Amino acid sequence: MKPDERSFRIMLAADGYVNPPPGGLDAVAVAEQTGWGIMQLPADDYPPEVAGPLLAEVAEQMEEFSRHGYGFVLVGERAGLAEALARVGVPVPDGITPRTPGQLAEFLDGRPAPRAGWDTGGASMPGAAPG
């Protein structure tokens, strides 16, 4: 059986870290280098009627992944995220507003291992398809 290469770690990233301005910090590149997944949060300039449903979807996905032991961090900030997470009973994860790729990588590397992943019997988390 092929091992599961997922890290079971997800970075919730503010839009400015996914679509950085010239010279800005590219969190997608850091996520790739450190083995983290990434979920992009809605851009700050989205109107509330657009951002609200998108934040609700992020919260629902986070709630589902949390039940399976995934680890999360928040990179940057997004108004309305805390409220969306509270509606599904999930706390806001530890976060950082990094200025450099090295600062973000150090923060990610210092996170504890998530509960999800391969157990000692070689089976993946419940509901996961074998590799």
C-alpha atoms as a PDB file:
ATOM      1  CA  MET A   1       0.000   0.000   0.000  1.00  0.00           C
ATOM      2  CA  LYS A   2       1.348   3.421  -0.956  1.00  0.00           C
ATOM      3  CA  PRO A   3       1.746   5.802   2.017  1.00  0.00           C
ATOM      4  CA  ASP A   4      -0.529   8.816   2.259  1.00  0.00           C
ATOM      5  CA  GLU A   5       1.543  11.884   1.402  1.00  0.00           C
ATOM      6  CA  ARG A   6      -0.899  14.423   2.846  1.00  0.00           C
ATOM      7  CA  SER A   7       0.374  16.350   5.809  1.00  0.00           C
ATOM      8  CA  PHE A   8      -3.115  16.763   7.324  1.00  0.00           C
ATOM      9  CA  ARG A   9      -2.143  20.395   7.949  1.00  0.00           C
ATOM     10  CA  ILE A  10      -4.050  23.271   6.409  1.00  0.00           C
ATOM     11  CA  MET A  11      -3.178  26.936   6.311  1.00  0.00           C
ATOM     12  CA  LEU A  12      -6.153  29.306   6.141  1.00  0.00           C
ATOM     13  CA  ALA A  13      -4.578  32.168   4.230  1.00  0.00           C
ATOM     14  CA  ALA A  14      -5.767  35.714   3.696  1.00  0.00           C
ATOM     15  CA  ASP A  15      -6.070  36.607   0.031  1.00  0.00           C
ATOM     16  CA  GLY A  16      -3.055  38.945   0.167  1.00  0.00           C
ATOM     17  CA  TYR A  17      -0.834  35.961   0.979  1.00  0.00           C
ATOM     18  CA  VAL A  18      -2.244  33.854  -1.864  1.00  0.00           C
ATOM     19  CA  ASN A  19      -2.260  36.669  -4.422  1.00  0.00           C
ATOM     20  CA  PRO A  20       0.557  38.821  -3.051  1.00  0.00           C
ATOM     21  CA  PRO A  21       1.414  42.201  -4.486  1.00  0.00           C
ATOM     22  CA  PRO A  22       4.820  42.527  -6.183  1.00  0.00           C
ATOM     23  CA  GLY A  23       7.449  41.806  -3.558  1.00  0.00           C
ATOM     24  CA  GLY A  24       4.818  40.423  -1.149  1.00  0.00           C
ATOM     25  CA  LEU A  25       5.011  37.160   0.749  1.00  0.00           C
ATOM     26  CA  ASP A  26       3.765  34.179  -1.291  1.00  0.00           C
ATOM     27  CA  ALA A  27       2.233  31.781   1.248  1.00  0.00           C
ATOM     28  CA  VAL A  28       1.467  29.222  -1.458  1.00  0.00           C
ATOM     29  CA  ALA A  29       5.194  28.803  -2.133  1.00  0.00           C
ATOM     30  CA  VAL A  30       5.929  28.472   1.595  1.00  0.00           C
ATOM     31  CA  ALA A  31       3.094  25.945   1.987  1.00  0.00           C
ATOM     32  CA  GLU A  32       4.530  23.874  -0.839  1.00  0.00           C
ATOM     33  CA  GLN A  33       8.034  23.956   0.667  1.00  0.00           C
ATOM     34  CA  THR A  34       6.812  23.002   4.149  1.00  0.00           C
ATOM     35  CA  GLY A  35       4.241  20.384   3.153  1.00  0.00           C
ATOM     36  CA  TRP A  36       1.106  22.292   4.165  1.00  0.00           C
ATOM     37  CA  GLY A  37      -2.197  22.497   2.335  1.00  0.00           C
ATOM     38  CA  ILE A  38      -3.823  25.865   1.851  1.00  0.00           C
ATOM     39  CA  MET A  39      -7.356  27.269   1.874  1.00  0.00           C
ATOM     40  CA  GLN A  40      -7.710  30.775   0.517  1.00  0.00           C
ATOM     41  CA  LEU A  41      -9.965  33.140   2.418  1.00  0.00           C
ATOM     42  CA  PRO A  42     -12.156  35.579   0.472  1.00  0.00           C
ATOM     43  CA  ALA A  43     -10.535  38.858  -0.531  1.00  0.00           C
ATOM     44  CA  ASP A  44     -11.114  41.758   1.841  1.00  0.00           C
ATOM     45  CA  ASP A  45     -12.782  43.811  -0.894  1.00  0.00           C
ATOM     46  CA  TYR A  46     -15.566  41.270  -1.469  1.00  0.00           C
ATOM     47  CA  PRO A  47     -18.922  42.680  -0.385  1.00  0.00           C
ATOM     48  CA  PRO A  48     -20.496  41.019   2.691  1.00  0.00           C
ATOM     49  CA  GLU A  49     -23.165  39.268   0.594  1.00  0.00           C
ATOM     50  CA  VAL A  50     -20.366  37.483  -1.311  1.00  0.00           C
ATOM     51  CA  ALA A  51     -17.830  37.011   1.491  1.00  0.00           C
ATOM     52  CA  GLY A  52     -20.362  35.699   4.039  1.00  0.00           C
ATOM     53  CA  PRO A  53     -21.334  32.534   2.145  1.00  0.00           C
ATOM     54  CA  LEU A  54     -17.682  31.885   1.206  1.00  0.00           C
ATOM     55  CA  LEU A  55     -16.599  32.170   4.834  1.00  0.00           C
ATOM     56  CA  ALA A  56     -19.437  29.831   5.823  1.00  0.00           C
ATOM     57  CA  GLU A  57     -18.117  27.254   3.325  1.00  0.00           C
ATOM     58  CA  VAL A  58     -14.581  27.581   4.693  1.00  0.00           C
ATOM     59  CA  ALA A  59     -15.949  27.112   8.223  1.00  0.00           C
ATOM     60  CA  GLU A  60     -17.918  24.005   7.233  1.00  0.00           C
ATOM     61  CA  GLN A  61     -14.862  22.472   5.563  1.00  0.00           C
ATOM     62  CA  MET A  62     -12.729  23.292   8.576  1.00  0.00           C
ATOM     63  CA  GLU A  63     -15.280  21.714  10.902  1.00  0.00           C
ATOM     64  CA  GLU A  64     -15.281  18.531   8.814  1.00  0.00           C
ATOM     65  CA  PHE A  65     -11.490  18.327   8.616  1.00  0.00           C
ATOM     66  CA  SER A  66     -11.203  19.100  12.346  1.00  0.00           C
ATOM     67  CA  ARG A  67     -13.343  16.065  13.165  1.00  0.00           C
ATOM     68  CA  HIS A  68     -10.770  13.966  11.313  1.00  0.00           C
ATOM     69  CA  GLY A  69      -7.822  15.388  13.219  1.00  0.00           C
ATOM     70  CA  TYR A  70      -6.389  17.879  10.749  1.00  0.00           C
ATOM     71  CA  GLY A  71      -4.268  20.736  12.068  1.00  0.00           C
ATOM     72  CA  PHE A  72      -4.909  24.366  11.108  1.00  0.00           C
ATOM     73  CA  VAL A  73      -3.229  27.743  11.263  1.00  0.00           C
ATOM     74  CA  LEU A  74      -4.390  31.179  10.180  1.00  0.00           C
ATOM     75  CA  VAL A  75      -2.087  33.320   8.054  1.00  0.00           C
ATOM     76  CA  GLY A  76      -3.150  36.944   8.019  1.00  0.00           C
ATOM     77  CA  GLU A  77      -6.610  38.091   9.008  1.00  0.00           C
ATOM     78  CA  ARG A  78     -10.113  38.096   7.545  1.00  0.00           C
ATOM     79  CA  ALA A  79     -13.058  39.980   9.005  1.00  0.00           C
ATOM     80  CA  GLY A  80     -15.999  37.652   9.605  1.00  0.00           C
ATOM     81  CA  LEU A  81     -13.936  34.467   9.896  1.00  0.00           C
ATOM     82  CA  ALA A  82     -14.248  34.189  13.690  1.00  0.00           C
ATOM     83  CA  GLU A  83     -18.030  34.530  13.467  1.00  0.00           C
ATOM     84  CA  ALA A  84     -18.291  31.920  10.688  1.00  0.00           C
ATOM     85  CA  LEU A  85     -16.164  29.475  12.672  1.00  0.00           C
ATOM     86  CA  ALA A  86     -18.176  30.104  15.856  1.00  0.00           C
ATOM     87  CA  ARG A  87     -21.384  29.159  14.007  1.00  0.00           C
ATOM     88  CA  VAL A  88     -19.971  25.662  13.397  1.00  0.00           C
ATOM     89  CA  GLY A  89     -18.332  25.378  16.822  1.00  0.00           C
ATOM     90  CA  VAL A  90     -14.718  25.633  15.683  1.00  0.00           C
ATOM     91  CA  PRO A  91     -12.224  27.969  17.376  1.00  0.00           C
ATOM     92  CA  VAL A  92     -10.054  30.348  15.392  1.00  0.00           C
ATOM     93  CA  PRO A  93      -6.726  28.573  14.908  1.00  0.00           C
ATOM     94  CA  ASP A  94      -3.403  29.979  16.049  1.00  0.00           C
ATOM     95  CA  GLY A  95      -2.246  32.557  13.588  1.00  0.00           C
ATOM     96  CA  ILE A  96       0.533  34.737  12.307  1.00  0.00           C
ATOM     97  CA  THR A  97       0.827  37.811  10.149  1.00  0.00           C
ATOM     98  CA  PRO A  98       4.278  37.093   8.754  1.00  0.00           C
ATOM     99  CA  ARG A  99       6.539  39.582   7.020  1.00  0.00           C
ATOM    100  CA  THR A 100       9.000  37.100   5.495  1.00  0.00           C
ATOM    101  CA  PRO A 101       8.857  33.585   4.067  1.00  0.00           C
ATOM    102  CA  GLY A 102      11.321  32.467   6.730  1.00  0.00           C
ATOM    103  CA  GLN A 103       9.101  33.760   9.517  1.00  0.00           C
ATOM    104  CA  LEU A 104       6.113  31.860   8.106  1.00  0.00           C
ATOM    105  CA  ALA A 105       8.131  28.668   7.548  1.00  0.00           C
ATOM    106  CA  GLU A 106       9.464  28.791  11.117  1.00  0.00           C
ATOM    107  CA  PHE A 107       5.929  29.222  12.486  1.00  0.00           C
ATOM    108  CA  LEU A 108       4.633  26.295  10.394  1.00  0.00           C
ATOM    109  CA  ASP A 109       7.549  24.045  11.321  1.00  0.00           C
ATOM    110  CA  GLY A 110       6.912  24.731  15.012  1.00  0.00           C
ATOM    111  CA  ARG A 111       3.321  23.482  14.909  1.00  0.00           C
ATOM    112  CA  PRO A 112       2.506  20.187  16.644  1.00  0.00           C
ATOM    113  CA  ALA A 113       1.761  17.123  14.543  1.00  0.00           C
ATOM    114  CA  PRO A 114      -1.933  16.745  13.717  1.00  0.00           C
ATOM    115  CA  ARG A 115      -3.948  13.804  15.069  1.00  0.00           C
ATOM    116  CA  ALA A 116      -4.844  12.642  11.543  1.00  0.00           C
ATOM    117  CA  GLY A 117      -2.654  10.424   9.425  1.00  0.00           C
ATOM    118  CA  TRP A 118      -1.511   6.870   9.253  1.00  0.00           C
ATOM    119  CA  ASP A 119      -1.881   4.786  12.356  1.00  0.00           C
ATOM    120  CA  THR A 120       0.512   2.022  13.351  1.00  0.00           C
ATOM    121  CA  GLY A 121      -1.645  -0.549  11.574  1.00  0.00           C
ATOM    122  CA  GLY A 122      -1.111   1.094   8.182  1.00  0.00           C
ATOM    123  CA  ALA A 123      -4.713   2.203   7.677  1.00  0.00           C
ATOM    124  CA  SER A 124      -5.547   5.766   6.789  1.00  0.00           C
ATOM    125  CA  MET A 125      -8.013   7.970   8.616  1.00  0.00           C
ATOM    126  CA  PRO A 126     -11.657   6.834   8.586  1.00  0.00           C
ATOM    127  CA  GLY A 127     -13.324   7.456   5.263  1.00  0.00           C
ATOM    128  CA  ALA A 128     -10.100   8.025   3.343  1.00  0.00           C
ATOM    129  CA  ALA A 129      -9.551   6.083   0.181  1.00  0.00           C
ATOM    130  CA  PRO A 130      -6.456   3.880   0.087  1.00  0.00           C
ATOM    131  CA  GLY A 131      -3.515   5.225  -1.959  1.00  0.00           C
END
